[in-house]
C-alpha atoms as a PDB file:
ATOM      1  CA  GLY A   1      -3.367  -1.242   5.786  1.00  0.00           C
ATOM      2  CA  SER A   2      -4.572  -1.652   1.839  1.00  0.00           C
ATOM      3  CA  HIS A   3      -2.493  -3.094  -0.862  1.00  0.00           C
ATOM      4  CA  ASP A   4      -1.851  -0.423  -3.976  1.00  0.00           C
ATOM      5  CA  SER A   5      -4.595   1.494  -2.296  1.00  0.00           C
ATOM      6  CA  PHE A   6      -4.348   3.654  -5.243  1.00  0.00           C
ATOM      7  CA  SER A   7      -6.256   1.071  -7.730  1.00  0.00           C
ATOM      8  CA  PHE A   8      -9.282   2.264  -6.720  1.00  0.00           C
ATOM      9  CA  TYR A   9      -9.282   5.098  -9.722  1.00  0.00           C
ATOM     10  CA  ILE A  10      -7.683   3.336 -12.877  1.00  0.00           C
ATOM     11  CA  ASP A  11      -7.219   5.492 -16.398  1.00  0.00           C
ATOM     12  CA  GLU A  12      -7.954   3.373 -18.940  1.00  0.00           C
ATOM     13  CA  ALA A  13      -7.031   5.884 -21.658  1.00  0.00           C
ATOM     14  CA  SER A  14      -3.520   6.073 -19.960  1.00  0.00           C
ATOM     15  CA  PRO A  15      -0.497   4.842 -21.968  1.00  0.00           C
ATOM     16  CA  VAL A  16       0.567   1.217 -19.997  1.00  0.00           C
ATOM     17  CA  GLY A  17       2.921   2.037 -17.373  1.00  0.00           C
ATOM     18  CA  PRO A  18       6.872   1.179 -18.103  1.00  0.00           C
ATOM     19  CA  GLU A  19       6.932  -1.257 -15.326  1.00  0.00           C
ATOM     20  CA  GLN A  20       5.123  -4.181 -17.618  1.00  0.00           C
ATOM     21  CA  PRO A  21       6.722  -6.342 -19.154  1.00  0.00           C
ATOM     22  CA  GLU A  22       6.830  -6.313 -23.191  1.00  0.00           C
ATOM     23  CA  THR A  23       4.492  -9.258 -23.465  1.00  0.00           C
ATOM     24  CA  VAL A  24       2.114  -7.067 -22.031  1.00  0.00           C
ATOM     25  CA  GLN A  25       2.317  -4.091 -24.170  1.00  0.00           C
ATOM     26  CA  ASN A  26       2.314  -5.617 -27.467  1.00  0.00           C
ATOM     27  CA  PHE A  27      -1.342  -7.093 -25.561  1.00  0.00           C
ATOM     28  CA  VAL A  28      -2.545  -3.414 -25.317  1.00  0.00           C
ATOM     29  CA  SER A  29      -1.090  -1.953 -28.380  1.00  0.00           C
ATOM     30  CA  VAL A  30      -2.775  -5.072 -30.499  1.00  0.00           C
ATOM     31  CA  PHE A  31      -6.558  -4.331 -28.893  1.00  0.00           C
ATOM     32  CA  GLY A  32      -5.985  -1.328 -26.905  1.00  0.00           C
ATOM     33  CA  THR A  33      -8.915   0.445 -25.421  1.00  0.00           C
ATOM     34  CA  VAL A  34     -10.455  -3.597 -25.199  1.00  0.00           C
ATOM     35  CA  ALA A  35      -7.635  -4.937 -22.856  1.00  0.00           C
ATOM     36  CA  LYS A  36      -6.776  -2.226 -20.684  1.00  0.00           C
ATOM     37  CA  LYS A  37     -10.666  -2.993 -19.619  1.00  0.00           C
ATOM     38  CA  LEU A  38      -9.640  -6.132 -18.855  1.00  0.00           C
ATOM     39  CA  MET A  39      -5.991  -5.257 -17.585  1.00  0.00           C
ATOM     40  CA  ARG A  40      -8.064  -2.970 -15.461  1.00  0.00           C
ATOM     41  CA  LYS A  41      -9.840  -5.955 -13.786  1.00  0.00           C
ATOM     42  CA  TRP A  42      -7.071  -7.620 -12.836  1.00  0.00           C
ATOM     43  CA  LEU A  43      -5.221  -4.584 -11.678  1.00  0.00           C
ATOM     44  CA  ALA A  44      -7.239  -2.428  -9.565  1.00  0.00           C
ATOM     45  CA  THR A  45      -7.374  -4.167  -5.663  1.00  0.00           C
ATOM     46  CA  GLN A  46      -9.466  -1.448  -3.654  1.00  0.00           C
ATOM     47  CA  THR A  47     -12.758   0.509  -4.423  1.00  0.00           C
ATOM     48  CA  MET A  48     -12.606   2.873  -1.791  1.00  0.00           C
ATOM     49  CA  ASN A  49     -10.990   6.005  -2.340  1.00  0.00           C
ATOM     50  CA  PHE A  50      -8.358   7.600  -0.272  1.00  0.00           C
ATOM     51  CA  THR A  51     -11.392   9.321   2.104  1.00  0.00           C
ATOM     52  CA  SER A  52     -13.767   5.962   1.943  1.00  0.00           C
ATOM     53  CA  GLN A  53     -10.523   3.984   3.618  1.00  0.00           C
ATOM     54  CA  LEU A  54      -9.241   6.280   6.252  1.00  0.00           C
ATOM     55  CA  GLY A  55     -13.181   6.658   7.158  1.00  0.00           C
ATOM     56  CA  ALA A  56     -13.592   3.071   6.923  1.00  0.00           C
ATOM     57  CA  GLY A  57     -10.260   2.682   9.983  1.00  0.00           C
ATOM     58  CA  ILE A  58      -7.372   1.494   7.036  1.00  0.00           C
ATOM     59  CA  ARG A  59      -4.329   3.675   8.784  1.00  0.00           C
ATOM     60  CA  TYR A  60      -1.354   2.272   5.618  1.00  0.00           C
ATOM     61  CA  PHE A  61      -1.457   3.345   2.178  1.00  0.00           C
ATOM     62  CA  ASP A  62       0.938   1.613   0.087  1.00  0.00           C
ATOM     63  CA  LEU A  63       2.132   3.511  -3.495  1.00  0.00           C
ATOM     64  CA  ARG A  64       3.503   3.401  -6.354  1.00  0.00           C
ATOM     65  CA  ILE A  65       4.884   5.637  -8.264  1.00  0.00           C
ATOM     66  CA  SER A  66       5.368   6.519 -11.819  1.00  0.00           C
ATOM     67  CA  THR A  67       6.299   9.149 -14.112  1.00  0.00           C
ATOM     68  CA  LYS A  68       4.237   9.117 -18.299  1.00  0.00           C
ATOM     69  CA  PRO A  69       6.373   8.341 -21.116  1.00  0.00           C
ATOM     70  CA  ARG A  70       7.115  11.577 -23.192  1.00  0.00           C
ATOM     71  CA  ASP A  71       5.559  13.706 -20.612  1.00  0.00           C
ATOM     72  CA  PRO A  72       6.608  17.375 -21.010  1.00  0.00           C
ATOM     73  CA  ASP A  73       5.015  18.751 -17.763  1.00  0.00           C
ATOM     74  CA  ASN A  74       6.670  15.679 -15.670  1.00  0.00           C
ATOM     75  CA  GLU A  75       3.413  14.807 -14.322  1.00  0.00           C
ATOM     76  CA  LEU A  76       3.755  11.590 -10.951  1.00  0.00           C
ATOM     77  CA  TYR A  77       0.834   9.433 -10.941  1.00  0.00           C
ATOM     78  CA  PHE A  78      -0.205   6.318  -8.507  1.00  0.00           C
ATOM     79  CA  ALA A  79       0.671   4.226 -11.517  1.00  0.00           C
ATOM     80  CA  HIS A  80      -0.001   0.093 -11.201  1.00  0.00           C
ATOM     81  CA  GLY A  81      -0.113  -1.277 -14.897  1.00  0.00           C
ATOM     82  CA  LEU A  82      -1.960   1.325 -15.974  1.00  0.00           C
ATOM     83  CA  PHE A  83      -2.295   5.124 -13.909  1.00  0.00           C
ATOM     84  CA  SER A  84      -3.965   6.148 -11.248  1.00  0.00           C
ATOM     85  CA  ALA A  85      -4.542   9.648 -10.103  1.00  0.00           C
ATOM     86  CA  LYS A  86      -1.503  12.332 -10.345  1.00  0.00           C
ATOM     87  CA  VAL A  87       0.367  12.428  -7.011  1.00  0.00           C
ATOM     88  CA  LYS A  88      -0.358  15.470  -5.336  1.00  0.00           C
ATOM     89  CA  GLU A  89      -4.315  15.324  -5.733  1.00  0.00           C
ATOM     90  CA  GLY A  90      -3.946  11.471  -3.440  1.00  0.00           C
ATOM     91  CA  LEU A  91      -1.180  13.647  -0.552  1.00  0.00           C
ATOM     92  CA  GLU A  92      -3.552  15.963  -0.578  1.00  0.00           C
ATOM     93  CA  GLU A  93      -7.162  13.828   0.000  1.00  0.00           C
ATOM     94  CA  ILE A  94      -5.366  12.085   2.032  1.00  0.00           C
ATOM     95  CA  ASN A  95      -4.131  16.036   4.305  1.00  0.00           C
ATOM     96  CA  ALA A  96      -7.634  16.858   4.425  1.00  0.00           C
ATOM     97  CA  PHE A  97      -8.709  14.452   6.311  1.00  0.00           C
ATOM     98  CA  LEU A  98      -5.362  14.168   8.702  1.00  0.00           C
ATOM     99  CA  ALA A  99      -7.183  18.539   9.424  1.00  0.00           C
ATOM    100  CA  ASP A 100      -9.969  17.258  10.205  1.00  0.00           C
ATOM    101  CA  HIS A 101      -8.876  14.327  12.557  1.00  0.00           C
ATOM    102  CA  PRO A 102      -6.044  15.944  13.882  1.00  0.00           C
ATOM    103  CA  LYS A 103      -5.318  13.042  16.459  1.00  0.00           C
ATOM    104  CA  GLU A 104      -5.577  10.134  13.457  1.00  0.00           C
ATOM    105  CA  VAL A 105      -1.964   8.979  12.034  1.00  0.00           C
ATOM    106  CA  VAL A 106      -1.573   7.719   8.529  1.00  0.00           C
ATOM    107  CA  PHE A 107       1.489   5.740   6.985  1.00  0.00           C
ATOM    108  CA  LEU A 108       3.132   6.353   3.108  1.00  0.00           C
ATOM    109  CA  ASP A 109       5.079   3.162   1.712  1.00  0.00           C
ATOM    110  CA  PHE A 110       6.306   4.564  -1.367  1.00  0.00           C
ATOM    111  CA  ASN A 111       7.926   1.576  -2.155  1.00  0.00           C
ATOM    112  CA  HIS A 112       8.056   1.451  -6.154  1.00  0.00           C
ATOM    113  CA  PHE A 113       9.284   3.901  -8.480  1.00  0.00           C
ATOM    114  CA  TYR A 114       8.419   3.655 -11.875  1.00  0.00           C
ATOM    115  CA  GLY A 115      10.785   5.867 -14.871  1.00  0.00           C
ATOM    116  CA  MET A 116      11.815   8.825 -12.009  1.00  0.00           C
ATOM    117  CA  GLN A 117      14.903  10.338 -12.225  1.00  0.00           C
ATOM    118  CA  LYS A 118      16.815  12.961  -9.404  1.00  0.00           C
ATOM    119  CA  TYR A 119      14.608  15.453 -10.236  1.00  0.00           C
ATOM    120  CA  HIS A 120      11.392  13.343  -9.637  1.00  0.00           C
ATOM    121  CA  HIS A 121      12.295  12.336  -6.708  1.00  0.00           C
ATOM    122  CA  GLU A 122      13.341  16.247  -6.060  1.00  0.00           C
ATOM    123  CA  LYS A 123       9.311  17.011  -6.804  1.00  0.00           C
ATOM    124  CA  LEU A 124       7.977  14.081  -4.931  1.00  0.00           C
ATOM    125  CA  VAL A 125       9.895  15.181  -1.685  1.00  0.00           C
ATOM    126  CA  GLN A 126       8.561  18.781  -2.195  1.00  0.00           C
ATOM    127  CA  MET A 127       5.372  17.734  -3.008  1.00  0.00           C
ATOM    128  CA  LEU A 128       5.728  15.998   0.332  1.00  0.00           C
ATOM    129  CA  LYS A 129       7.249  18.910   2.609  1.00  0.00           C
ATOM    130  CA  ASP A 130       4.316  21.400   0.837  1.00  0.00           C
ATOM    131  CA  THR A 131       1.425  19.395   1.371  1.00  0.00           C
ATOM    132  CA  TYR A 132       1.490  18.029   5.531  1.00  0.00           C
ATOM    133  CA  GLY A 133       4.884  19.998   6.453  1.00  0.00           C
ATOM    134  CA  ASN A 134       5.743  19.682  10.334  1.00  0.00           C
ATOM    135  CA  LYS A 135       3.024  16.586  10.578  1.00  0.00           C
ATOM    136  CA  MET A 136       5.339  14.329   8.870  1.00  0.00           C
ATOM    137  CA  CYS A 137       7.464  12.814  11.888  1.00  0.00           C
ATOM    138  CA  PRO A 138      11.054  12.416  11.574  1.00  0.00           C
ATOM    139  CA  ALA A 139      12.707   9.040  11.056  1.00  0.00           C
ATOM    140  CA  ILE A 140      13.847   7.919  14.094  1.00  0.00           C
ATOM    141  CA  PHE A 141      14.063   4.319  16.173  1.00  0.00           C
ATOM    142  CA  ALA A 142      10.831   2.862  15.678  1.00  0.00           C
ATOM    143  CA  HIS A 143       9.825   1.224  18.703  1.00  0.00           C
ATOM    144  CA  GLU A 144      10.474   4.186  20.275  1.00  0.00           C
ATOM    145  CA  VAL A 145       7.377   5.444  18.455  1.00  0.00           C
ATOM    146  CA  SER A 146       4.089   5.397  20.346  1.00  0.00           C
ATOM    147  CA  LEU A 147       0.496   7.515  19.470  1.00  0.00           C
ATOM    148  CA  GLN A 148       1.348   9.274  23.117  1.00  0.00           C
ATOM    149  CA  TYR A 149       4.752  10.441  21.305  1.00  0.00           C
ATOM    150  CA  LEU A 150       3.272  11.466  17.923  1.00  0.00           C
ATOM    151  CA  TRP A 151       0.093  13.603  19.595  1.00  0.00           C
ATOM    152  CA  GLU A 152       3.041  15.156  22.161  1.00  0.00           C
ATOM    153  CA  LYS A 153       5.029  16.524  18.144  1.00  0.00           C
ATOM    154  CA  GLU A 154       1.462  17.211  17.400  1.00  0.00           C
ATOM    155  CA  HIS A 155       2.865  14.827  14.273  1.00  0.00           C
ATOM    156  CA  GLN A 156       0.208  12.739  11.863  1.00  0.00           C
ATOM    157  CA  VAL A 157       2.526  11.314   8.385  1.00  0.00           C
ATOM    158  CA  LEU A 158       4.818   8.719   8.471  1.00  0.00           C
ATOM    159  CA  VAL A 159       6.516   8.331   5.098  1.00  0.00           C
ATOM    160  CA  PHE A 160       8.330   5.464   4.454  1.00  0.00           C
ATOM    161  CA  TYR A 161      10.815   5.585   0.960  1.00  0.00           C
ATOM    162  CA  HIS A 162      12.210   2.968  -1.141  1.00  0.00           C
ATOM    163  CA  SER A 163      15.100   4.891  -2.384  1.00  0.00           C
ATOM    164  CA  PRO A 164      18.309   6.206  -0.819  1.00  0.00           C
ATOM    165  CA  VAL A 165      17.142   9.947  -1.582  1.00  0.00           C
ATOM    166  CA  ALA A 166      15.113   8.715   1.928  1.00  0.00           C
ATOM    167  CA  LEU A 167      18.839   8.639   3.010  1.00  0.00           C
ATOM    168  CA  GLU A 168      19.137  12.571   2.428  1.00  0.00           C
ATOM    169  CA  VAL A 169      15.497  14.272   3.914  1.00  0.00           C
ATOM    170  CA  PRO A 170      15.112  13.676   7.329  1.00  0.00           C
ATOM    171  CA  PHE A 171      11.613  12.925   7.755  1.00  0.00           C
ATOM    172  CA  LEU A 172      12.269  10.130   4.988  1.00  0.00           C
ATOM    173  CA  TRP A 173      12.247   7.001   6.377  1.00  0.00           C
ATOM    174  CA  PRO A 174      13.697   4.433   4.837  1.00  0.00           C
ATOM    175  CA  GLY A 175      12.288   1.577   2.895  1.00  0.00           C
ATOM    176  CA  GLN A 176      14.226  -1.085   4.948  1.00  0.00           C
ATOM    177  CA  MET A 177      12.101  -0.338   7.536  1.00  0.00           C
ATOM    178  CA  MET A 178       8.863  -0.872   6.292  1.00  0.00           C
ATOM    179  CA  PRO A 179       9.601  -4.660   5.279  1.00  0.00           C
ATOM    180  CA  ALA A 180       6.717  -6.204   3.435  1.00  0.00           C
ATOM    181  CA  PRO A 181       7.488 -10.190   2.323  1.00  0.00           C
ATOM    182  CA  TRP A 182       5.462 -11.042  -0.635  1.00  0.00           C
ATOM    183  CA  ALA A 183       3.845 -14.598  -1.277  1.00  0.00           C
ATOM    184  CA  ASN A 184       3.678 -14.433  -4.894  1.00  0.00           C
ATOM    185  CA  THR A 185       1.207 -17.285  -4.243  1.00  0.00           C
ATOM    186  CA  THR A 186      -2.960 -18.074  -5.313  1.00  0.00           C
ATOM    187  CA  ASP A 187      -2.835 -20.869  -3.340  1.00  0.00           C
ATOM    188  CA  PRO A 188      -4.387 -19.387  -0.087  1.00  0.00           C
ATOM    189  CA  GLU A 189      -2.966 -21.959   1.865  1.00  0.00           C
ATOM    190  CA  LYS A 190       0.601 -21.562   1.124  1.00  0.00           C
ATOM    191  CA  LEU A 191      -0.108 -18.355   1.607  1.00  0.00           C
ATOM    192  CA  ILE A 192      -0.868 -18.423   5.163  1.00  0.00           C
ATOM    193  CA  GLN A 193       2.109 -20.803   5.792  1.00  0.00           C
ATOM    194  CA  PHE A 194       4.462 -17.667   3.835  1.00  0.00           C
ATOM    195  CA  LEU A 195       2.598 -15.575   6.095  1.00  0.00           C
ATOM    196  CA  GLN A 196       3.494 -17.452   9.813  1.00  0.00           C
ATOM    197  CA  ALA A 197       7.239 -18.493   8.895  1.00  0.00           C
ATOM    198  CA  SER A 198       7.651 -14.939   8.121  1.00  0.00           C
ATOM    199  CA  ILE A 199       6.246 -13.556  11.324  1.00  0.00           C
ATOM    200  CA  THR A 200       8.054 -15.819  12.666  1.00  0.00           C
ATOM    201  CA  GLU A 201      11.481 -14.863  11.498  1.00  0.00           C
ATOM    202  CA  ARG A 202      10.369 -10.667  12.136  1.00  0.00           C
ATOM    203  CA  ARG A 203      13.351  -9.102  13.420  1.00  0.00           C
ATOM    204  CA  LYS A 204      12.371  -8.449  16.952  1.00  0.00           C
ATOM    205  CA  LYS A 205      13.019  -4.725  17.085  1.00  0.00           C
ATOM    206  CA  GLY A 206      13.909  -1.598  14.473  1.00  0.00           C
ATOM    207  CA  SER A 207      11.239  -2.115  11.871  1.00  0.00           C
ATOM    208  CA  PHE A 208       7.394  -2.416  11.186  1.00  0.00           C
ATOM    209  CA  PHE A 209       6.388  -5.049   9.137  1.00  0.00           C
ATOM    210  CA  ILE A 210       3.986  -5.287   6.778  1.00  0.00           C
ATOM    211  CA  SER A 211       2.411  -9.312   6.318  1.00  0.00           C
ATOM    212  CA  GLN A 212      -0.062  -9.014   2.685  1.00  0.00           C
ATOM    213  CA  VAL A 213      -2.986 -11.086   2.831  1.00  0.00           C
ATOM    214  CA  VAL A 214      -2.560 -11.117  -0.867  1.00  0.00           C
ATOM    215  CA  LEU A 215      -2.933 -13.555  -3.093  1.00  0.00           C
ATOM    216  CA  THR A 216      -1.310 -12.833  -6.505  1.00  0.00           C
ATOM    217  CA  PRO A 217      -2.625 -14.143 -10.113  1.00  0.00           C
ATOM    218  CA  LYS A 218      -0.596 -16.160 -12.290  1.00  0.00           C
ATOM    219  CA  ALA A 219      -0.693 -15.585 -16.359  1.00  0.00           C
ATOM    220  CA  SER A 220      -3.017 -18.725 -16.298  1.00  0.00           C
ATOM    221  CA  THR A 221      -5.841 -17.753 -13.681  1.00  0.00           C
ATOM    222  CA  VAL A 222      -6.011 -14.599 -15.708  1.00  0.00           C
ATOM    223  CA  VAL A 223      -5.640 -16.066 -18.897  1.00  0.00           C
ATOM    224  CA  LYS A 224      -8.762 -18.166 -16.808  1.00  0.00           C
ATOM    225  CA  GLY A 225     -10.975 -15.275 -15.592  1.00  0.00           C
ATOM    226  CA  VAL A 226     -10.003 -12.987 -18.169  1.00  0.00           C
ATOM    227  CA  ALA A 227     -13.415 -11.418 -17.457  1.00  0.00           C
ATOM    228  CA  SER A 228     -14.206 -11.401 -14.377  1.00  0.00           C
ATOM    229  CA  GLY A 229     -11.648 -10.240 -12.447  1.00  0.00           C
ATOM    230  CA  LEU A 230      -9.275 -10.390  -9.874  1.00  0.00           C
ATOM    231  CA  ARG A 231     -12.152  -9.710  -7.031  1.00  0.00           C
ATOM    232  CA  GLU A 232     -14.422 -12.438  -8.070  1.00  0.00           C
ATOM    233  CA  THR A 233     -12.053 -14.704  -9.062  1.00  0.00           C
ATOM    234  CA  ILE A 234      -9.622 -15.075  -6.350  1.00  0.00           C
ATOM    235  CA  THR A 235     -10.070 -12.791  -3.822  1.00  0.00           C
ATOM    236  CA  GLU A 236     -13.715 -13.665  -2.255  1.00  0.00           C
ATOM    237  CA  ARG A 237     -13.254 -17.026  -2.614  1.00  0.00           C
ATOM    238  CA  ALA A 238     -10.319 -17.427  -0.376  1.00  0.00           C
ATOM    239  CA  LEU A 239     -11.693 -14.270   2.057  1.00  0.00           C
ATOM    240  CA  PRO A 240     -12.342 -16.815   4.122  1.00  0.00           C
ATOM    241  CA  ALA A 241      -9.549 -19.084   4.448  1.00  0.00           C
ATOM    242  CA  MET A 242      -7.864 -15.483   4.710  1.00  0.00           C
ATOM    243  CA  MET A 243      -9.888 -13.793   7.525  1.00  0.00           C
ATOM    244  CA  GLN A 244      -9.479 -16.619   9.631  1.00  0.00           C
ATOM    245  CA  TRP A 245      -5.301 -16.729   9.195  1.00  0.00           C
ATOM    246  CA  VAL A 246      -6.440 -13.014  10.830  1.00  0.00           C
ATOM    247  CA  ARG A 247      -8.414 -13.643  13.537  1.00  0.00           C
ATOM    248  CA  THR A 248      -6.255 -16.213  15.528  1.00  0.00           C
ATOM    249  CA  GLN A 249      -3.052 -13.325  14.905  1.00  0.00           C
ATOM    250  CA  LYS A 250      -1.103 -11.560  18.111  1.00  0.00           C
ATOM    251  CA  PRO A 251      -0.321  -8.003  17.621  1.00  0.00           C
ATOM    252  CA  GLY A 252       3.121  -6.877  19.094  1.00  0.00           C
ATOM    253  CA  GLU A 253       6.954  -7.471  18.790  1.00  0.00           C
ATOM    254  CA  SER A 254       6.497 -11.474  17.825  1.00  0.00           C
ATOM    255  CA  GLY A 255       3.404 -10.624  16.364  1.00  0.00           C
ATOM    256  CA  VAL A 256       2.245  -8.850  13.313  1.00  0.00           C
ATOM    257  CA  ASN A 257       2.287  -5.769  12.911  1.00  0.00           C
ATOM    258  CA  ILE A 258       0.953  -4.269  10.008  1.00  0.00           C
ATOM    259  CA  ILE A 259      -1.883  -6.334   8.222  1.00  0.00           C
ATOM    260  CA  THR A 260      -2.847  -5.512   4.111  1.00  0.00           C
ATOM    261  CA  ALA A 261      -5.134  -7.060   1.999  1.00  0.00           C
ATOM    262  CA  ASP A 262      -6.878  -6.060  -1.490  1.00  0.00           C
ATOM    263  CA  PHE A 263     -10.818  -4.793  -1.606  1.00  0.00           C
ATOM    264  CA  VAL A 264     -10.509  -3.945   2.215  1.00  0.00           C
ATOM    265  CA  GLU A 265     -14.262  -3.640   2.588  1.00  0.00           C
ATOM    266  CA  LEU A 266     -14.489  -7.297   2.047  1.00  0.00           C
ATOM    267  CA  GLY A 267     -16.389  -8.856   5.216  1.00  0.00           C
ATOM    268  CA  ASP A 268     -15.149  -7.585   8.262  1.00  0.00           C
ATOM    269  CA  PHE A 269     -11.423  -7.069   7.493  1.00  0.00           C
ATOM    270  CA  ILE A 270     -10.929  -3.660   9.523  1.00  0.00           C
ATOM    271  CA  SER A 271     -13.070  -4.603  11.800  1.00  0.00           C
ATOM    272  CA  THR A 272     -10.787  -7.464  12.736  1.00  0.00           C
ATOM    273  CA  VAL A 273      -7.459  -6.334  12.196  1.00  0.00           C
ATOM    274  CA  ILE A 274      -8.463  -3.665  14.679  1.00  0.00           C
ATOM    275  CA  LYS A 275      -9.547  -5.312  17.815  1.00  0.00           C
ATOM    276  CA  LEU A 276      -6.552  -7.257  17.362  1.00  0.00           C
ATOM    277  CA  ASN A 277      -5.011  -3.648  19.231  1.00  0.00           C
ATOM    278  CA  TYR A 278      -7.155  -4.385  21.494  1.00  0.00           C
ATOM    279  CA  ASP A 279      -4.895  -7.551  22.331  1.00  0.00           C
ATOM    280  CA  LEU A 280      -1.787  -5.928  22.330  1.00  0.00           C
ATOM    281  CA  ASP A 281       0.493  -6.634  25.446  1.00  0.00           C
ATOM    282  CA  GLU A 282       0.818  -2.738  28.111  1.00  0.00           C
ATOM    283  CA  GLY A 283       4.404  -0.973  25.927  1.00  0.00           C
ATOM    284  CA  GLU A 284       3.800  -3.033  22.600  1.00  0.00           C
ATOM    285  CA  ASP A 285       3.194  -1.229  19.194  1.00  0.00           C
ATOM    286  CA  ASP A 286      -0.334  -0.641  17.644  1.00  0.00           C
ATOM    287  CA  THR A 287      -1.192  -2.767  14.844  1.00  0.00           C
ATOM    288  CA  THR A 288      -2.972  -1.157  11.395  1.00  0.00           C
END
């Protein structure tokens, strides 16, 4: 899976996202475009678009949705600090891949919502219906989901929705069925300790589970590497240690399930995660 999957495109002409603290808002209001260009280096966690990610083997997408302030069209956008593409365009891009690959299945995890009222949620739900229709698998027990089951039902999309709205719509899986513990550290060693501990504590059944192999920059880290950005300052340097952890994992109910990363094309992340599926004991869940 990919972390902040949509951030391959960051619109530097857009306003700052509503979730950003006042200090960031003030920074941008003073320094304008220059500030946004610097922010982009730290906010973009992917370089491949949805189609390229899908072609490379990514099947889980981490999606954060926002409205724009004072937008008369009430359009929905992907957002991470700054705004990305329109949600409708991204969903359609993924659907085009699914139409060409009827046995492929994707997980769409809508886990953050910014500036959204009831109307916006209704709009997003309708957008999902219009785009995917019967491709979406209604929420059932996680351990009942297998590729065979999905193929028989001709389902290709599992939508996880971290909002009470999920309880009202049959094809929305409640967010708690896709937990994603966050280490919130810049230290690769602490990250690996956290990942291992979270797997140990993982519930045996009833939910999917995300291991975020992701380092999060502190303000001091950003200041030191302000011009170089996330990829060069943190991700590339920590990659060997993080990949070593991934290679040693076992999939299944007591191991890893879904593994996400920044810049998924780096190293052999995707192929390594895919290979873990071949270590599955018969009858256990797939790793994405």
